[in-house]
Amino acid sequence: MRQVSRLLLFVCVGIIFVSFFLPWVNVQSKQAGQLTKLLTGKRQENIASISGFDVPVLANGEEARLIASIVEIFKPGVKNVDKKSYLVWGIPIFALFILGLTLALKENKWLNIAVGIIGCVIFIAAVYKIKTTDLDKLVLQVRIGVGLWLILWSYLGLGIRGFMQIFQPPGTNK
């Protein structure tokens, strides 16, 4: 069981790190999509595919208005998107932090409880926000990409693993 738990830890953190560079959102335009459908038969026109790594880069560059529009869909009224966008880079760093603490404090029950709660809360809160947000706005349509879903499922995996570790008999996790 120890090897499976350790493998799950490394796989989840690895997926979080790799998925940070995969598309999180695909932004499409209804108006451009109608013209494209007329000409090519495709339904939508992709404006951009944005990964987690791209968020601060785009928010502080020429595409700042696009990022601000996307953020406005999820959190209306947010200010200083350009500065707050750098917090996104904390997602893989936080996963590496969890990995380091978990390897250093192997059988710490409180750490496992904290990781279990944090991982599950991240998943539940993010999925709830995605599912209750109208992603089909007047001009832009936002589609959640594979990268974001993989990150969310991996944080859930870390959470479940943390809770599983609580029920391991002492001495089996060295």
Foldseek 3Di string as FASTA:
>chain_A
DQVVLLVLLVVLLVLLVVLQPFFFKWKWWQVVQVVCCVVPVGRTDTPDGAGLVCQLVCCPDPNVVVSVVQVCQLPNPDPPSNVCSVCSVCLSVVSVVLSVVCVVVVLPLVSLQVLLVVLVCQLVVVVVSVVPTQQDDDTMHMDGDPSNVSNNVSSNSSNVSSVVSNPDPPPPND
